[in-house]
Amino acid sequence: MKMSMEDYSKNIVKKYKHWTALVHANQQYLGRCVIWCDREDATDLSKATNDERDELFEIIRELKIAIEKTFQADWINYSFLGNETRHLHGHLVPRYKDERVFQGTTFTDPRWGHNWLLDNSHATSNEMLQSIKNEIIKNLQ
């Protein structure tokens, strides 16, 4: 499955020189983001260029700080799997010891202290997704 950035342009948090950060459409984990390598033939993290790698770590730091400030995440998980989408990208998954309420919606992390597990049936409205994105953007340094 190949993801086109055009399909997700409304979810972009910030564009960088080599990467694009965006909120994931499934916000089961409040503030979950994807960091997508912009190089078309990028498939493997171990083959990232030095510039891509250096920028990636800066993006991770920026997003982590913004998500902690925005939603008070207790921990962050990072996943670079490539199982479904064979393109270099990573998932930044905030974890929460206790529930969070954002714009009247309660978010829980029932697997706190264990590996995160995505519920593909979880639906996030476009309105909620854009609100989450905008709050993260406000807190980016």
C-alpha atoms as a PDB file:
ATOM      1  CA  MET A   1       0.000   0.000   0.000  1.00  0.00           C
ATOM      2  CA  LYS A   2       1.533   3.305  -1.031  1.00  0.00           C
ATOM      3  CA  MET A   3       0.505   6.431   0.822  1.00  0.00           C
ATOM      4  CA  SER A   4       0.343   9.612  -1.201  1.00  0.00           C
ATOM      5  CA  MET A   5       1.059  12.754   0.782  1.00  0.00           C
ATOM      6  CA  GLU A   6      -1.700  14.457  -1.232  1.00  0.00           C
ATOM      7  CA  ASP A   7      -4.213  12.176   0.472  1.00  0.00           C
ATOM      8  CA  TYR A   8      -3.093  13.446   3.862  1.00  0.00           C
ATOM      9  CA  SER A   9      -2.224  17.088   3.167  1.00  0.00           C
ATOM     10  CA  LYS A  10      -4.948  18.368   5.530  1.00  0.00           C
ATOM     11  CA  ASN A  11      -3.241  16.477   8.387  1.00  0.00           C
ATOM     12  CA  ILE A  12       0.187  18.099   8.004  1.00  0.00           C
ATOM     13  CA  VAL A  13       1.570  19.537  11.219  1.00  0.00           C
ATOM     14  CA  LYS A  14       4.817  20.776   9.688  1.00  0.00           C
ATOM     15  CA  LYS A  15       6.909  20.250   6.549  1.00  0.00           C
ATOM     16  CA  TYR A  16      10.658  19.934   6.935  1.00  0.00           C
ATOM     17  CA  LYS A  17      13.472  19.684   4.399  1.00  0.00           C
ATOM     18  CA  HIS A  18      13.457  15.856   4.314  1.00  0.00           C
ATOM     19  CA  TRP A  19      10.345  14.866   6.283  1.00  0.00           C
ATOM     20  CA  THR A  20       6.702  15.746   6.795  1.00  0.00           C
ATOM     21  CA  ALA A  21       5.061  15.478  10.212  1.00  0.00           C
ATOM     22  CA  LEU A  22       1.333  14.896  10.309  1.00  0.00           C
ATOM     23  CA  VAL A  23      -1.350  13.761  12.708  1.00  0.00           C
ATOM     24  CA  HIS A  24      -2.477  10.199  12.136  1.00  0.00           C
ATOM     25  CA  ALA A  25      -6.106   9.857  11.060  1.00  0.00           C
ATOM     26  CA  ASN A  26      -6.715   7.368  13.904  1.00  0.00           C
ATOM     27  CA  GLN A  27      -6.423   9.291  17.178  1.00  0.00           C
ATOM     28  CA  GLN A  28      -7.130   6.351  19.479  1.00  0.00           C
ATOM     29  CA  TYR A  29      -3.869   7.506  21.095  1.00  0.00           C
ATOM     30  CA  LEU A  30      -4.384  11.247  21.504  1.00  0.00           C
ATOM     31  CA  GLY A  31      -1.734  13.181  19.571  1.00  0.00           C
ATOM     32  CA  ARG A  32      -0.439  10.242  17.525  1.00  0.00           C
ATOM     33  CA  CYS A  33       1.691  11.487  14.647  1.00  0.00           C
ATOM     34  CA  VAL A  34       3.414  10.093  11.587  1.00  0.00           C
ATOM     35  CA  ILE A  35       6.813  11.312  10.406  1.00  0.00           C
ATOM     36  CA  TRP A  36       7.049  10.628   6.657  1.00  0.00           C
ATOM     37  CA  CYS A  37      10.318  10.733   4.675  1.00  0.00           C
ATOM     38  CA  ASP A  38       9.865  12.906   1.596  1.00  0.00           C
ATOM     39  CA  ARG A  39      12.461  11.034  -0.493  1.00  0.00           C
ATOM     40  CA  GLU A  40      10.389   8.963  -2.894  1.00  0.00           C
ATOM     41  CA  ASP A  41      12.601   5.858  -2.836  1.00  0.00           C
ATOM     42  CA  ALA A  42      13.140   5.796   0.952  1.00  0.00           C
ATOM     43  CA  THR A  43      12.141   2.456   2.453  1.00  0.00           C
ATOM     44  CA  ASP A  44      14.519   1.584   5.293  1.00  0.00           C
ATOM     45  CA  LEU A  45      15.540   3.594   8.346  1.00  0.00           C
ATOM     46  CA  SER A  46      19.051   2.117   8.251  1.00  0.00           C
ATOM     47  CA  LYS A  47      19.481   3.590   4.752  1.00  0.00           C
ATOM     48  CA  ALA A  48      18.457   7.136   5.687  1.00  0.00           C
ATOM     49  CA  THR A  49      21.010   9.726   4.681  1.00  0.00           C
ATOM     50  CA  ASN A  50      22.938  11.528   7.410  1.00  0.00           C
ATOM     51  CA  ASP A  51      20.905  14.679   6.764  1.00  0.00           C
ATOM     52  CA  GLU A  52      17.633  12.742   6.961  1.00  0.00           C
ATOM     53  CA  ARG A  53      18.704  11.026  10.172  1.00  0.00           C
ATOM     54  CA  ASP A  54      19.812  14.258  11.841  1.00  0.00           C
ATOM     55  CA  GLU A  55      16.628  16.057  10.884  1.00  0.00           C
ATOM     56  CA  LEU A  56      14.511  13.103  12.044  1.00  0.00           C
ATOM     57  CA  PHE A  57      15.915  13.354  15.559  1.00  0.00           C
ATOM     58  CA  GLU A  58      15.185  17.089  15.651  1.00  0.00           C
ATOM     59  CA  ILE A  59      11.606  16.438  14.511  1.00  0.00           C
ATOM     60  CA  ILE A  60      11.148  13.747  17.166  1.00  0.00           C
ATOM     61  CA  ARG A  61      12.364  16.173  19.847  1.00  0.00           C
ATOM     62  CA  GLU A  62      10.069  18.963  18.590  1.00  0.00           C
ATOM     63  CA  LEU A  63       6.986  16.759  18.388  1.00  0.00           C
ATOM     64  CA  LYS A  64       7.657  15.127  21.751  1.00  0.00           C
ATOM     65  CA  ILE A  65       7.876  18.499  23.474  1.00  0.00           C
ATOM     66  CA  ALA A  66       4.774  19.802  21.691  1.00  0.00           C
ATOM     67  CA  ILE A  67       2.699  16.704  22.515  1.00  0.00           C
ATOM     68  CA  GLU A  68       3.811  16.678  26.143  1.00  0.00           C
ATOM     69  CA  LYS A  69       2.922  20.360  26.421  1.00  0.00           C
ATOM     70  CA  THR A  70      -0.393  19.952  24.584  1.00  0.00           C
ATOM     71  CA  PHE A  71      -1.751  16.738  26.096  1.00  0.00           C
ATOM     72  CA  GLN A  72       0.588  16.012  29.047  1.00  0.00           C
ATOM     73  CA  ALA A  73       1.622  12.633  27.608  1.00  0.00           C
ATOM     74  CA  ASP A  74       3.260  10.410  30.215  1.00  0.00           C
ATOM     75  CA  TRP A  75       5.446   8.543  27.740  1.00  0.00           C
ATOM     76  CA  ILE A  76       6.076   8.394  23.988  1.00  0.00           C
ATOM     77  CA  ASN A  77       6.475   5.241  21.873  1.00  0.00           C
ATOM     78  CA  TYR A  78       8.286   5.345  18.527  1.00  0.00           C
ATOM     79  CA  SER A  79       7.634   2.759  15.805  1.00  0.00           C
ATOM     80  CA  PHE A  80       9.325   2.335  12.430  1.00  0.00           C
ATOM     81  CA  LEU A  81       7.711  -0.844  11.137  1.00  0.00           C
ATOM     82  CA  GLY A  82       6.929  -0.664   7.418  1.00  0.00           C
ATOM     83  CA  ASN A  83       4.722  -3.745   7.556  1.00  0.00           C
ATOM     84  CA  GLU A  84       1.767  -2.283   5.647  1.00  0.00           C
ATOM     85  CA  THR A  85       3.312   0.755   3.945  1.00  0.00           C
ATOM     86  CA  ARG A  86       6.728   0.088   2.413  1.00  0.00           C
ATOM     87  CA  HIS A  87       7.999   3.618   2.716  1.00  0.00           C
ATOM     88  CA  LEU A  88      10.255   5.143   5.358  1.00  0.00           C
ATOM     89  CA  HIS A  89       8.032   6.583   8.056  1.00  0.00           C
ATOM     90  CA  GLY A  90       7.633   6.396  11.788  1.00  0.00           C
ATOM     91  CA  HIS A  91       4.811   6.607  14.280  1.00  0.00           C
ATOM     92  CA  LEU A  92       5.088   8.756  17.381  1.00  0.00           C
ATOM     93  CA  VAL A  93       2.516   7.368  19.810  1.00  0.00           C
ATOM     94  CA  PRO A  94       1.769   9.272  23.038  1.00  0.00           C
ATOM     95  CA  ARG A  95       0.930   7.075  26.020  1.00  0.00           C
ATOM     96  CA  TYR A  96      -1.206   8.026  29.001  1.00  0.00           C
ATOM     97  CA  LYS A  97      -1.315   6.587  32.489  1.00  0.00           C
ATOM     98  CA  ASP A  98      -4.685   8.266  33.113  1.00  0.00           C
ATOM     99  CA  GLU A  99      -7.492   9.365  30.816  1.00  0.00           C
ATOM    100  CA  ARG A 100      -7.337  12.694  29.004  1.00  0.00           C
ATOM    101  CA  VAL A 101     -10.272  14.860  28.016  1.00  0.00           C
ATOM    102  CA  PHE A 102      -9.884  17.016  24.920  1.00  0.00           C
ATOM    103  CA  GLN A 103     -12.770  19.120  23.640  1.00  0.00           C
ATOM    104  CA  GLY A 104     -15.266  17.066  25.608  1.00  0.00           C
ATOM    105  CA  THR A 105     -13.992  13.700  24.349  1.00  0.00           C
ATOM    106  CA  THR A 106     -12.359  11.254  26.756  1.00  0.00           C
ATOM    107  CA  PHE A 107      -9.279   9.399  25.544  1.00  0.00           C
ATOM    108  CA  THR A 108      -8.032   6.345  27.445  1.00  0.00           C
ATOM    109  CA  ASP A 109      -4.963   4.155  27.088  1.00  0.00           C
ATOM    110  CA  PRO A 110      -6.105   0.726  28.310  1.00  0.00           C
ATOM    111  CA  ARG A 111      -2.735  -0.814  27.431  1.00  0.00           C
ATOM    112  CA  TRP A 112      -0.676   1.651  29.488  1.00  0.00           C
ATOM    113  CA  GLY A 113       2.559  -0.073  30.518  1.00  0.00           C
ATOM    114  CA  HIS A 114       2.369  -2.506  27.580  1.00  0.00           C
ATOM    115  CA  ASN A 115       2.871  -2.320  23.815  1.00  0.00           C
ATOM    116  CA  TRP A 116       0.414  -0.053  22.067  1.00  0.00           C
ATOM    117  CA  LEU A 117      -2.146  -1.804  19.928  1.00  0.00           C
ATOM    118  CA  LEU A 118      -4.133  -0.012  17.273  1.00  0.00           C
ATOM    119  CA  ASP A 119      -7.886  -0.438  17.108  1.00  0.00           C
ATOM    120  CA  ASN A 120      -8.620   0.063  13.401  1.00  0.00           C
ATOM    121  CA  SER A 121     -12.307   0.481  14.149  1.00  0.00           C
ATOM    122  CA  HIS A 122     -11.601   3.662  16.136  1.00  0.00           C
ATOM    123  CA  ALA A 123     -13.045   6.631  14.243  1.00  0.00           C
ATOM    124  CA  THR A 124     -11.773  10.179  14.614  1.00  0.00           C
ATOM    125  CA  SER A 125     -13.915  12.909  13.101  1.00  0.00           C
ATOM    126  CA  ASN A 126     -12.234  15.345  10.748  1.00  0.00           C
ATOM    127  CA  GLU A 127     -13.224  18.171  13.097  1.00  0.00           C
ATOM    128  CA  MET A 128     -11.492  16.470  16.052  1.00  0.00           C
ATOM    129  CA  LEU A 129      -8.454  15.587  13.931  1.00  0.00           C
ATOM    130  CA  GLN A 130      -8.019  19.193  12.835  1.00  0.00           C
ATOM    131  CA  SER A 131      -8.413  20.438  16.420  1.00  0.00           C
ATOM    132  CA  ILE A 132      -5.720  18.025  17.622  1.00  0.00           C
ATOM    133  CA  LYS A 133      -3.441  19.074  14.768  1.00  0.00           C
ATOM    134  CA  ASN A 134      -3.944  22.777  15.469  1.00  0.00           C
ATOM    135  CA  GLU A 135      -3.193  22.348  19.186  1.00  0.00           C
ATOM    136  CA  ILE A 136       0.055  20.513  18.396  1.00  0.00           C
ATOM    137  CA  ILE A 137       1.037  23.233  15.902  1.00  0.00           C
ATOM    138  CA  LYS A 138       0.482  25.924  18.561  1.00  0.00           C
ATOM    139  CA  ASN A 139       2.995  24.200  20.824  1.00  0.00           C
ATOM    140  CA  LEU A 140       5.734  23.422  18.300  1.00  0.00           C
ATOM    141  CA  GLN A 141       8.958  25.225  19.114  1.00  0.00           C
END
